[in-house]
Amino acid sequence: MGKELPILPSSPQQPGGQEEFIYSRVFCSRENSPPLRLLLDYLKSKGQIPFIPKMDPAALDDWAWVRVSLGYHRERKPIQLFCIRDRGSYQDVFDKERADFLDRLSVFDDIEGQLVREQVTRSRFIATTRFVKADVTEEGYDFNGWILEFFQENCNGIVQVDGQGFFSPKGELIVELQEISSEIDLV
C-alpha cells in the first residue's frame, strides 16, 4: 500500500475553488488497525458492496495499511480511508492530530468532555474518512457511517465528525465541536 500520505492542517474552506471535503475520524485505542479484509467483510455483512481498486490480495491482510479508496456507487467519487499510527512513518502526523484535538477539548470540563479527552489520549491510531461534500449522497453518508462503526466497535474507538463533534457508541452527539481542525491531502 502507498506510504506517500502527507497530512496538513488547513482552513475549513479550500482556496481556489477546489473540492470541499468532509472528514470524520475514529480515535482507536486498540494497538493495531485491523487488516482491510476485515473491514470489507464487515461492510458486506451490512449489505454494502464496496468497490476497491485493484490490489495484491495479500495487501488486504496487511495490518500496516495507510490508505485505500472505497467506492459505494459507480457514479460517485469514493470515500478515502486513511490510517495514521502512534509509531512509524506518520507518527509525527498522528501526534499533531491528537494534540490538536486535545487542545480543542481542553475547554470542556464536563464528564463527557473528560471521557472524550481520555479516549483521544489513549488512542493508538486514527482511522480518517474523507469524501467530497458536493458529490456524496445519502447512500454515501450511510456507507461512511458503516466504516466509522466498524472501527468504533472493533478497535475501541470514539467517532468524531468535522463540523459536529464527538459521538457516543449509541450515535448521540456528546461533545459539540463546530469548526474543522485539519485536512488530509494527497500529493
N, C-alpha and C. Protein backbone atom coordinates (compact mmCIF):
# COMPACT_ATOMS: atom_id res chain seq x y z
N MET A 1 0.85 -1.17 0.00
CA MET A 1 0.00 0.00 0.00
C MET A 1 0.89 1.23 0.00
N GLY A 2 0.34 2.37 -0.44
CA GLY A 2 1.13 3.58 -0.56
C GLY A 2 1.53 4.15 0.78
N LYS A 3 2.71 4.73 0.84
CA LYS A 3 3.19 5.36 2.07
C LYS A 3 3.46 6.85 1.85
N GLU A 4 2.89 7.45 0.80
CA GLU A 4 3.17 8.83 0.46
C GLU A 4 2.08 9.79 0.91
N LEU A 5 1.64 9.66 2.15
CA LEU A 5 0.49 10.40 2.65
C LEU A 5 0.90 11.56 3.54
N PRO A 6 0.86 12.81 3.03
CA PRO A 6 1.07 13.93 3.93
C PRO A 6 -0.27 14.38 4.50
N ILE A 7 -0.28 14.75 5.75
CA ILE A 7 -1.49 15.26 6.39
C ILE A 7 -1.16 16.65 6.87
N LEU A 8 -1.88 17.62 6.34
CA LEU A 8 -1.53 19.01 6.59
C LEU A 8 -2.71 19.76 7.20
N PRO A 9 -2.44 20.60 8.21
CA PRO A 9 -3.52 21.44 8.72
C PRO A 9 -3.86 22.51 7.68
N SER A 10 -5.12 22.85 7.61
CA SER A 10 -5.53 23.91 6.68
C SER A 10 -6.84 24.51 7.13
N SER A 11 -7.31 25.49 6.39
CA SER A 11 -8.55 26.15 6.74
C SER A 11 -9.73 25.29 6.33
N PRO A 12 -10.92 25.55 6.89
CA PRO A 12 -12.09 24.75 6.56
C PRO A 12 -12.47 24.81 5.09
N GLN A 13 -12.29 25.92 4.43
CA GLN A 13 -12.69 26.08 3.04
C GLN A 13 -11.47 25.99 2.14
N GLN A 14 -11.53 25.17 1.11
CA GLN A 14 -10.43 25.03 0.19
C GLN A 14 -10.32 26.28 -0.69
N PRO A 15 -9.12 26.89 -0.82
CA PRO A 15 -8.97 28.06 -1.67
C PRO A 15 -8.99 27.67 -3.14
N GLY A 16 -9.30 28.65 -3.99
CA GLY A 16 -9.19 28.45 -5.43
C GLY A 16 -10.25 27.54 -6.02
N GLY A 17 -11.39 27.37 -5.38
CA GLY A 17 -12.47 26.59 -5.94
C GLY A 17 -12.24 25.09 -5.95
N GLN A 18 -11.28 24.60 -5.17
CA GLN A 18 -11.07 23.17 -5.09
C GLN A 18 -12.24 22.52 -4.35
N GLU A 19 -12.31 21.21 -4.47
CA GLU A 19 -13.39 20.48 -3.83
C GLU A 19 -13.34 20.63 -2.31
N GLU A 20 -14.51 20.75 -1.71
CA GLU A 20 -14.62 20.80 -0.26
C GLU A 20 -14.88 19.38 0.25
N PHE A 21 -14.10 18.98 1.25
CA PHE A 21 -14.19 17.63 1.79
C PHE A 21 -14.86 17.63 3.15
N ILE A 22 -15.46 16.51 3.47
CA ILE A 22 -15.96 16.24 4.82
C ILE A 22 -15.07 15.16 5.41
N TYR A 23 -14.60 15.40 6.62
CA TYR A 23 -13.72 14.47 7.32
C TYR A 23 -14.43 13.92 8.54
N SER A 24 -14.18 12.66 8.81
CA SER A 24 -14.62 12.05 10.06
C SER A 24 -13.52 11.11 10.52
N ARG A 25 -13.44 10.92 11.81
CA ARG A 25 -12.35 10.14 12.38
C ARG A 25 -12.87 9.19 13.44
N VAL A 26 -12.08 8.14 13.65
CA VAL A 26 -12.29 7.29 14.81
C VAL A 26 -10.95 7.20 15.52
N PHE A 27 -10.90 7.72 16.74
CA PHE A 27 -9.70 7.64 17.58
C PHE A 27 -9.76 6.28 18.27
N CYS A 28 -8.83 5.39 17.90
CA CYS A 28 -8.88 4.00 18.33
C CYS A 28 -7.79 3.68 19.34
N SER A 29 -8.16 2.99 20.43
CA SER A 29 -7.18 2.65 21.46
C SER A 29 -6.61 1.24 21.28
N ARG A 30 -7.12 0.48 20.35
CA ARG A 30 -6.53 -0.83 20.05
C ARG A 30 -5.12 -0.61 19.51
N GLU A 31 -4.21 -1.54 19.78
CA GLU A 31 -2.81 -1.35 19.39
C GLU A 31 -2.62 -1.27 17.88
N ASN A 32 -3.25 -2.16 17.14
CA ASN A 32 -3.07 -2.20 15.69
C ASN A 32 -4.40 -2.08 14.97
N SER A 33 -4.36 -1.47 13.81
CA SER A 33 -5.55 -1.40 12.98
C SER A 33 -5.78 -2.77 12.34
N PRO A 34 -7.02 -3.15 12.15
CA PRO A 34 -7.29 -4.44 11.53
C PRO A 34 -6.97 -4.42 10.04
N PRO A 35 -6.69 -5.58 9.46
CA PRO A 35 -6.47 -5.65 8.01
C PRO A 35 -7.72 -5.20 7.26
N LEU A 36 -7.53 -4.70 6.07
CA LEU A 36 -8.65 -4.20 5.26
C LEU A 36 -9.67 -5.29 4.96
N ARG A 37 -9.22 -6.52 4.85
CA ARG A 37 -10.15 -7.62 4.54
C ARG A 37 -11.27 -7.69 5.60
N LEU A 38 -10.94 -7.46 6.85
CA LEU A 38 -11.96 -7.49 7.91
C LEU A 38 -12.98 -6.37 7.73
N LEU A 39 -12.50 -5.19 7.34
CA LEU A 39 -13.42 -4.08 7.07
C LEU A 39 -14.33 -4.43 5.90
N LEU A 40 -13.77 -4.95 4.83
CA LEU A 40 -14.57 -5.30 3.66
C LEU A 40 -15.61 -6.37 4.00
N ASP A 41 -15.21 -7.36 4.79
CA ASP A 41 -16.16 -8.40 5.22
C ASP A 41 -17.27 -7.79 6.08
N TYR A 42 -16.91 -6.86 6.94
CA TYR A 42 -17.91 -6.19 7.78
C TYR A 42 -18.91 -5.42 6.92
N LEU A 43 -18.39 -4.66 5.95
CA LEU A 43 -19.28 -3.90 5.07
C LEU A 43 -20.22 -4.83 4.31
N LYS A 44 -19.70 -5.94 3.83
CA LYS A 44 -20.54 -6.91 3.11
C LYS A 44 -21.61 -7.49 4.03
N SER A 45 -21.26 -7.72 5.30
CA SER A 45 -22.24 -8.26 6.25
C SER A 45 -23.37 -7.27 6.52
N LYS A 46 -23.13 -6.00 6.25
CA LYS A 46 -24.15 -4.96 6.45
C LYS A 46 -24.88 -4.65 5.15
N GLY A 47 -24.67 -5.49 4.12
CA GLY A 47 -25.37 -5.29 2.85
C GLY A 47 -24.71 -4.28 1.95
N GLN A 48 -23.50 -3.87 2.24
CA GLN A 48 -22.77 -2.90 1.43
C GLN A 48 -21.79 -3.66 0.53
N ILE A 49 -21.67 -3.24 -0.71
CA ILE A 49 -20.72 -3.86 -1.64
C ILE A 49 -19.70 -2.79 -2.02
N PRO A 50 -18.56 -2.74 -1.31
CA PRO A 50 -17.57 -1.71 -1.60
C PRO A 50 -16.81 -1.99 -2.89
N PHE A 51 -16.55 -0.92 -3.64
CA PHE A 51 -15.70 -1.00 -4.82
C PHE A 51 -14.30 -0.60 -4.37
N ILE A 52 -13.32 -1.46 -4.61
CA ILE A 52 -11.94 -1.15 -4.22
C ILE A 52 -11.05 -1.20 -5.45
N PRO A 53 -9.93 -0.48 -5.43
CA PRO A 53 -9.00 -0.53 -6.56
C PRO A 53 -8.34 -1.90 -6.63
N LYS A 54 -7.82 -2.21 -7.82
CA LYS A 54 -7.08 -3.47 -7.95
C LYS A 54 -5.86 -3.41 -7.06
N MET A 55 -5.67 -4.46 -6.28
CA MET A 55 -4.51 -4.54 -5.41
C MET A 55 -4.14 -5.99 -5.19
N ASP A 56 -2.95 -6.19 -4.75
CA ASP A 56 -2.47 -7.52 -4.42
C ASP A 56 -3.36 -8.06 -3.29
N PRO A 57 -3.94 -9.26 -3.47
CA PRO A 57 -4.80 -9.81 -2.41
C PRO A 57 -4.11 -9.91 -1.05
N ALA A 58 -2.79 -10.10 -1.06
CA ALA A 58 -2.07 -10.17 0.21
C ALA A 58 -2.12 -8.83 0.95
N ALA A 59 -2.25 -7.73 0.21
CA ALA A 59 -2.31 -6.41 0.83
C ALA A 59 -3.57 -6.26 1.69
N LEU A 60 -4.61 -7.00 1.36
CA LEU A 60 -5.84 -6.93 2.15
C LEU A 60 -5.67 -7.52 3.54
N ASP A 61 -4.63 -8.33 3.72
CA ASP A 61 -4.37 -8.95 5.02
C ASP A 61 -3.27 -8.24 5.81
N ASP A 62 -2.76 -7.15 5.28
CA ASP A 62 -1.68 -6.39 5.92
C ASP A 62 -2.28 -5.43 6.94
N TRP A 63 -1.79 -5.47 8.17
CA TRP A 63 -2.30 -4.56 9.21
C TRP A 63 -1.71 -3.16 9.07
N ALA A 64 -0.60 -2.99 8.34
CA ALA A 64 0.10 -1.71 8.26
C ALA A 64 -0.32 -0.87 7.06
N TRP A 65 -1.55 -0.99 6.62
CA TRP A 65 -2.02 -0.19 5.50
C TRP A 65 -2.10 1.29 5.90
N VAL A 66 -2.03 2.17 4.90
CA VAL A 66 -2.06 3.61 5.14
C VAL A 66 -3.31 4.26 4.55
N ARG A 67 -3.68 3.85 3.33
CA ARG A 67 -4.87 4.46 2.72
C ARG A 67 -5.48 3.51 1.71
N VAL A 68 -6.77 3.73 1.47
CA VAL A 68 -7.49 2.98 0.46
C VAL A 68 -8.72 3.79 0.05
N SER A 69 -9.13 3.64 -1.20
CA SER A 69 -10.36 4.24 -1.69
C SER A 69 -11.45 3.19 -1.65
N LEU A 70 -12.60 3.55 -1.10
CA LEU A 70 -13.73 2.64 -1.02
C LEU A 70 -14.92 3.28 -1.71
N GLY A 71 -15.30 2.71 -2.82
CA GLY A 71 -16.45 3.24 -3.56
C GLY A 71 -17.74 2.64 -3.06
N TYR A 72 -18.79 3.44 -3.05
CA TYR A 72 -20.11 2.96 -2.64
C TYR A 72 -21.10 2.99 -3.79
N HIS A 73 -20.75 3.71 -4.89
CA HIS A 73 -21.62 3.82 -6.06
C HIS A 73 -20.73 4.15 -7.24
N ARG A 74 -20.97 3.50 -8.36
CA ARG A 74 -20.11 3.69 -9.54
C ARG A 74 -20.13 5.12 -10.07
N GLU A 75 -21.20 5.85 -9.85
CA GLU A 75 -21.33 7.21 -10.38
C GLU A 75 -20.84 8.28 -9.39
N ARG A 76 -20.35 7.87 -8.23
CA ARG A 76 -19.91 8.81 -7.20
C ARG A 76 -18.44 8.60 -6.89
N LYS A 77 -17.81 9.67 -6.42
CA LYS A 77 -16.41 9.57 -6.02
C LYS A 77 -16.30 8.70 -4.78
N PRO A 78 -15.21 7.94 -4.66
CA PRO A 78 -15.08 7.05 -3.50
C PRO A 78 -14.77 7.81 -2.21
N ILE A 79 -14.96 7.12 -1.13
CA ILE A 79 -14.56 7.61 0.18
C ILE A 79 -13.12 7.19 0.38
N GLN A 80 -12.28 8.14 0.78
CA GLN A 80 -10.88 7.85 1.07
C GLN A 80 -10.78 7.49 2.54
N LEU A 81 -10.06 6.42 2.84
CA LEU A 81 -9.85 5.99 4.21
C LEU A 81 -8.35 6.00 4.49
N PHE A 82 -7.94 6.71 5.53
CA PHE A 82 -6.54 6.83 5.92
C PHE A 82 -6.36 6.26 7.32
N CYS A 83 -5.18 5.75 7.59
CA CYS A 83 -4.86 5.27 8.93
C CYS A 83 -3.49 5.78 9.32
N ILE A 84 -3.45 6.59 10.38
CA ILE A 84 -2.17 7.07 10.91
C ILE A 84 -2.01 6.50 12.31
N ARG A 85 -0.76 6.18 12.65
CA ARG A 85 -0.49 5.46 13.89
C ARG A 85 0.46 6.22 14.81
N ASP A 86 0.53 5.74 16.05
CA ASP A 86 1.40 6.35 17.06
C ASP A 86 2.84 5.88 16.93
N ARG A 87 3.16 5.22 15.84
CA ARG A 87 4.53 4.77 15.56
C ARG A 87 4.68 4.66 14.04
N GLY A 88 5.91 4.68 13.60
CA GLY A 88 6.16 4.51 12.17
C GLY A 88 6.27 5.82 11.41
N SER A 89 6.10 5.74 10.11
CA SER A 89 6.34 6.86 9.20
C SER A 89 5.54 8.12 9.52
N TYR A 90 4.31 7.96 9.95
CA TYR A 90 3.45 9.12 10.16
C TYR A 90 3.17 9.40 11.64
N GLN A 91 4.09 8.99 12.49
CA GLN A 91 3.91 9.23 13.92
C GLN A 91 3.81 10.71 14.22
N ASP A 92 4.60 11.55 13.55
CA ASP A 92 4.55 12.99 13.78
C ASP A 92 3.18 13.56 13.40
N VAL A 93 2.60 13.04 12.35
CA VAL A 93 1.28 13.48 11.93
C VAL A 93 0.22 13.05 12.95
N PHE A 94 0.33 11.81 13.40
CA PHE A 94 -0.57 11.30 14.42
C PHE A 94 -0.48 12.17 15.67
N ASP A 95 0.76 12.44 16.13
CA ASP A 95 0.96 13.24 17.34
C ASP A 95 0.34 14.63 17.20
N LYS A 96 0.50 15.25 16.03
CA LYS A 96 -0.07 16.58 15.81
C LYS A 96 -1.59 16.54 15.80
N GLU A 97 -2.16 15.57 15.11
CA GLU A 97 -3.62 15.45 15.04
C GLU A 97 -4.20 15.25 16.44
N ARG A 98 -3.60 14.33 17.20
CA ARG A 98 -4.08 14.07 18.56
C ARG A 98 -3.93 15.32 19.43
N ALA A 99 -2.78 15.99 19.35
CA ALA A 99 -2.55 17.20 20.16
C ALA A 99 -3.55 18.30 19.79
N ASP A 100 -3.85 18.46 18.50
CA ASP A 100 -4.82 19.47 18.08
C ASP A 100 -6.19 19.22 18.71
N PHE A 101 -6.63 17.96 18.70
CA PHE A 101 -7.93 17.65 19.28
C PHE A 101 -7.92 17.77 20.79
N LEU A 102 -6.84 17.36 21.43
CA LEU A 102 -6.76 17.51 22.88
C LEU A 102 -6.80 18.98 23.27
N ASP A 103 -6.15 19.83 22.48
CA ASP A 103 -6.19 21.27 22.74
C ASP A 103 -7.62 21.80 22.61
N ARG A 104 -8.31 21.40 21.57
CA ARG A 104 -9.70 21.85 21.37
C ARG A 104 -10.63 21.33 22.46
N LEU A 105 -10.33 20.14 22.97
CA LEU A 105 -11.18 19.54 24.00
C LEU A 105 -10.89 20.09 25.40
N SER A 106 -9.80 20.80 25.57
CA SER A 106 -9.40 21.29 26.89
C SER A 106 -10.40 22.25 27.50
N VAL A 107 -11.26 22.87 26.69
CA VAL A 107 -12.25 23.81 27.22
C VAL A 107 -13.49 23.12 27.81
N PHE A 108 -13.62 21.83 27.57
CA PHE A 108 -14.79 21.10 28.07
C PHE A 108 -14.45 20.49 29.43
N ASP A 109 -15.17 20.95 30.47
CA ASP A 109 -14.88 20.46 31.82
C ASP A 109 -15.96 19.53 32.36
N ASP A 110 -16.93 19.15 31.52
CA ASP A 110 -17.96 18.23 31.97
C ASP A 110 -17.48 16.78 31.83
N ILE A 111 -18.27 15.86 32.30
CA ILE A 111 -17.87 14.45 32.30
C ILE A 111 -17.69 13.91 30.89
N GLU A 112 -18.56 14.33 29.96
CA GLU A 112 -18.44 13.86 28.58
C GLU A 112 -17.13 14.34 27.96
N GLY A 113 -16.80 15.61 28.19
CA GLY A 113 -15.54 16.16 27.68
C GLY A 113 -14.34 15.43 28.24
N GLN A 114 -14.40 15.11 29.53
CA GLN A 114 -13.31 14.38 30.16
C GLN A 114 -13.16 12.97 29.57
N LEU A 115 -14.28 12.29 29.36
CA LEU A 115 -14.24 10.94 28.79
C LEU A 115 -13.68 10.96 27.36
N VAL A 116 -14.07 11.96 26.57
CA VAL A 116 -13.57 12.07 25.20
C VAL A 116 -12.06 12.36 25.23
N ARG A 117 -11.63 13.28 26.10
CA ARG A 117 -10.18 13.57 26.20
C ARG A 117 -9.39 12.32 26.55
N GLU A 118 -9.92 11.53 27.50
CA GLU A 118 -9.23 10.29 27.88
C GLU A 118 -9.13 9.33 26.70
N GLN A 119 -10.21 9.22 25.93
CA GLN A 119 -10.21 8.32 24.76
C GLN A 119 -9.21 8.80 23.71
N VAL A 120 -9.18 10.09 23.44
CA VAL A 120 -8.23 10.64 22.46
C VAL A 120 -6.80 10.44 22.95
N THR A 121 -6.57 10.65 24.25
CA THR A 121 -5.24 10.47 24.82
C THR A 121 -4.77 9.02 24.69
N ARG A 122 -5.66 8.06 24.90
CA ARG A 122 -5.31 6.64 24.81
C ARG A 122 -5.22 6.11 23.38
N SER A 123 -5.61 6.91 22.41
CA SER A 123 -5.66 6.40 21.04
C SER A 123 -4.27 5.98 20.54
N ARG A 124 -4.25 4.90 19.78
CA ARG A 124 -3.01 4.35 19.20
C ARG A 124 -2.98 4.57 17.69
N PHE A 125 -4.16 4.72 17.08
CA PHE A 125 -4.23 5.07 15.67
C PHE A 125 -5.53 5.81 15.41
N ILE A 126 -5.55 6.53 14.28
CA ILE A 126 -6.73 7.29 13.89
C ILE A 126 -7.12 6.84 12.49
N ALA A 127 -8.34 6.34 12.36
CA ALA A 127 -8.90 6.00 11.05
C ALA A 127 -9.71 7.21 10.60
N THR A 128 -9.33 7.79 9.47
CA THR A 128 -9.96 9.01 8.98
C THR A 128 -10.61 8.76 7.63
N THR A 129 -11.86 9.18 7.48
CA THR A 129 -12.52 9.12 6.18
C THR A 129 -12.63 10.52 5.62
N ARG A 130 -12.57 10.59 4.29
CA ARG A 130 -12.69 11.87 3.59
C ARG A 130 -13.52 11.64 2.33
N PHE A 131 -14.52 12.51 2.12
CA PHE A 131 -15.29 12.42 0.89
C PHE A 131 -15.67 13.82 0.43
N VAL A 132 -15.99 13.93 -0.86
CA VAL A 132 -16.31 15.21 -1.47
C VAL A 132 -17.74 15.60 -1.08
N LYS A 133 -17.86 16.74 -0.43
CA LYS A 133 -19.16 17.19 0.10
C LYS A 133 -20.21 17.33 -1.00
N ALA A 134 -19.84 17.91 -2.14
CA ALA A 134 -20.80 18.16 -3.21
C ALA A 134 -21.19 16.89 -3.97
N ASP A 135 -20.45 15.81 -3.79
CA ASP A 135 -20.69 14.59 -4.56
C ASP A 135 -21.39 13.50 -3.77
N VAL A 136 -21.36 13.57 -2.46
CA VAL A 136 -21.88 12.47 -1.65
C VAL A 136 -23.41 12.46 -1.63
N THR A 137 -23.96 11.25 -1.56
CA THR A 137 -25.41 11.06 -1.46
C THR A 137 -25.75 10.51 -0.08
N GLU A 138 -27.01 10.34 0.18
CA GLU A 138 -27.44 9.72 1.43
C GLU A 138 -26.84 8.33 1.57
N GLU A 139 -26.76 7.61 0.45
CA GLU A 139 -26.13 6.29 0.43
C GLU A 139 -24.66 6.39 0.87
N GLY A 140 -23.98 7.45 0.43
CA GLY A 140 -22.58 7.65 0.81
C GLY A 140 -22.41 7.95 2.29
N TYR A 141 -23.33 8.77 2.83
CA TYR A 141 -23.28 9.05 4.27
C TYR A 141 -23.48 7.76 5.07
N ASP A 142 -24.41 6.92 4.62
CA ASP A 142 -24.64 5.64 5.30
C ASP A 142 -23.41 4.75 5.21
N PHE A 143 -22.81 4.68 4.02
CA PHE A 143 -21.61 3.87 3.81
C PHE A 143 -20.49 4.34 4.72
N ASN A 144 -20.29 5.65 4.79
CA ASN A 144 -19.28 6.21 5.68
C ASN A 144 -19.59 5.84 7.14
N GLY A 145 -20.85 5.89 7.50
CA GLY A 145 -21.25 5.52 8.86
C GLY A 145 -20.89 4.08 9.20
N TRP A 146 -21.03 3.16 8.25
CA TRP A 146 -20.66 1.77 8.48
C TRP A 146 -19.16 1.64 8.68
N ILE A 147 -18.36 2.41 7.92
CA ILE A 147 -16.91 2.39 8.10
C ILE A 147 -16.56 2.85 9.51
N LEU A 148 -17.14 3.97 9.92
CA LEU A 148 -16.86 4.50 11.25
C LEU A 148 -17.29 3.52 12.34
N GLU A 149 -18.46 2.90 12.15
CA GLU A 149 -18.96 1.94 13.13
C GLU A 149 -18.03 0.74 13.26
N PHE A 150 -17.47 0.27 12.15
CA PHE A 150 -16.53 -0.85 12.19
C PHE A 150 -15.36 -0.54 13.12
N PHE A 151 -14.75 0.63 12.94
CA PHE A 151 -13.59 0.97 13.77
C PHE A 151 -14.00 1.26 15.21
N GLN A 152 -15.14 1.87 15.40
CA GLN A 152 -15.61 2.14 16.75
C GLN A 152 -15.83 0.83 17.51
N GLU A 153 -16.49 -0.12 16.89
CA GLU A 153 -16.82 -1.37 17.57
C GLU A 153 -15.62 -2.31 17.71
N ASN A 154 -14.76 -2.37 16.71
CA ASN A 154 -13.70 -3.36 16.68
C ASN A 154 -12.34 -2.87 17.17
N CYS A 155 -12.23 -1.57 17.39
CA CYS A 155 -10.92 -1.01 17.76
C CYS A 155 -11.00 -0.10 18.97
N ASN A 156 -12.06 -0.23 19.77
CA ASN A 156 -12.23 0.61 20.96
C ASN A 156 -12.09 2.08 20.61
N GLY A 157 -12.93 2.53 19.68
CA GLY A 157 -12.80 3.88 19.17
C GLY A 157 -13.94 4.80 19.54
N ILE A 158 -13.67 6.09 19.35
CA ILE A 158 -14.70 7.11 19.50
C ILE A 158 -14.74 7.92 18.22
N VAL A 159 -15.95 8.17 17.72
CA VAL A 159 -16.16 8.83 16.44
C VAL A 159 -16.20 10.34 16.60
N GLN A 160 -15.52 11.01 15.66
CA GLN A 160 -15.54 12.47 15.57
C GLN A 160 -15.87 12.83 14.12
N VAL A 161 -16.78 13.79 13.93
CA VAL A 161 -17.14 14.26 12.60
C VAL A 161 -16.92 15.77 12.58
N ASP A 162 -16.15 16.24 11.59
CA ASP A 162 -15.88 17.68 11.50
C ASP A 162 -17.18 18.46 11.33
N GLY A 163 -17.25 19.59 12.00
CA GLY A 163 -18.43 20.44 11.97
C GLY A 163 -19.52 19.98 12.92
N GLN A 164 -19.32 18.85 13.57
CA GLN A 164 -20.31 18.34 14.52
C GLN A 164 -19.69 18.08 15.88
N GLY A 165 -18.79 17.10 15.98
CA GLY A 165 -18.15 16.81 17.25
C GLY A 165 -17.93 15.33 17.46
N PHE A 166 -17.94 14.91 18.73
CA PHE A 166 -17.71 13.52 19.11
C PHE A 166 -19.03 12.85 19.46
N PHE A 167 -19.12 11.56 19.13
CA PHE A 167 -20.35 10.81 19.30
C PHE A 167 -20.15 9.63 20.23
N SER A 168 -21.18 9.31 21.00
CA SER A 168 -21.17 8.14 21.87
C SER A 168 -21.33 6.89 21.00
N PRO A 169 -21.09 5.70 21.56
CA PRO A 169 -21.32 4.47 20.80
C PRO A 169 -22.77 4.31 20.33
N LYS A 170 -23.70 5.00 20.97
CA LYS A 170 -25.10 4.93 20.56
C LYS A 170 -25.43 5.95 19.47
N GLY A 171 -24.44 6.73 19.04
CA GLY A 171 -24.66 7.70 17.97
C GLY A 171 -25.15 9.06 18.44
N GLU A 172 -25.08 9.32 19.74
CA GLU A 172 -25.53 10.61 20.28
C GLU A 172 -24.35 11.58 20.34
N LEU A 173 -24.57 12.81 19.92
CA LEU A 173 -23.54 13.84 20.00
C LEU A 173 -23.29 14.15 21.47
N ILE A 174 -22.04 13.95 21.94
CA ILE A 174 -21.76 14.18 23.35
C ILE A 174 -20.83 15.37 23.58
N VAL A 175 -20.00 15.71 22.59
CA VAL A 175 -19.16 16.90 22.68
C VAL A 175 -19.25 17.59 21.33
N GLU A 176 -19.80 18.79 21.33
CA GLU A 176 -20.00 19.52 20.08
C GLU A 176 -18.77 20.36 19.75
N LEU A 177 -18.24 20.15 18.54
CA LEU A 177 -17.14 20.95 18.01
C LEU A 177 -17.55 21.42 16.62
N GLN A 178 -17.65 22.70 16.42
CA GLN A 178 -18.18 23.21 15.16
C GLN A 178 -17.17 23.32 14.02
N GLU A 179 -16.02 23.91 14.26
CA GLU A 179 -15.08 24.15 13.17
C GLU A 179 -14.20 22.94 12.90
N ILE A 180 -13.61 22.91 11.71
CA ILE A 180 -12.72 21.81 11.32
C ILE A 180 -11.31 22.18 11.73
N SER A 181 -10.53 21.18 12.14
CA SER A 181 -9.18 21.48 12.60
C SER A 181 -8.09 21.12 11.60
N SER A 182 -8.32 20.14 10.75
CA SER A 182 -7.27 19.73 9.84
C SER A 182 -7.86 18.97 8.66
N GLU A 183 -7.01 18.76 7.68
CA GLU A 183 -7.40 18.02 6.50
C GLU A 183 -6.28 17.10 6.09
N ILE A 184 -6.62 16.08 5.37
CA ILE A 184 -5.64 15.18 4.80
C ILE A 184 -5.61 15.42 3.30
N ASP A 185 -4.45 15.69 2.77
CA ASP A 185 -4.29 15.89 1.33
C ASP A 185 -3.31 14.89 0.78
N LEU A 186 -3.59 14.43 -0.41
CA LEU A 186 -2.69 13.52 -1.09
C LEU A 186 -1.79 14.32 -2.02
N VAL A 187 -0.55 13.88 -2.12
CA VAL A 187 0.38 14.54 -3.04
C VAL A 187 0.07 14.10 -4.43
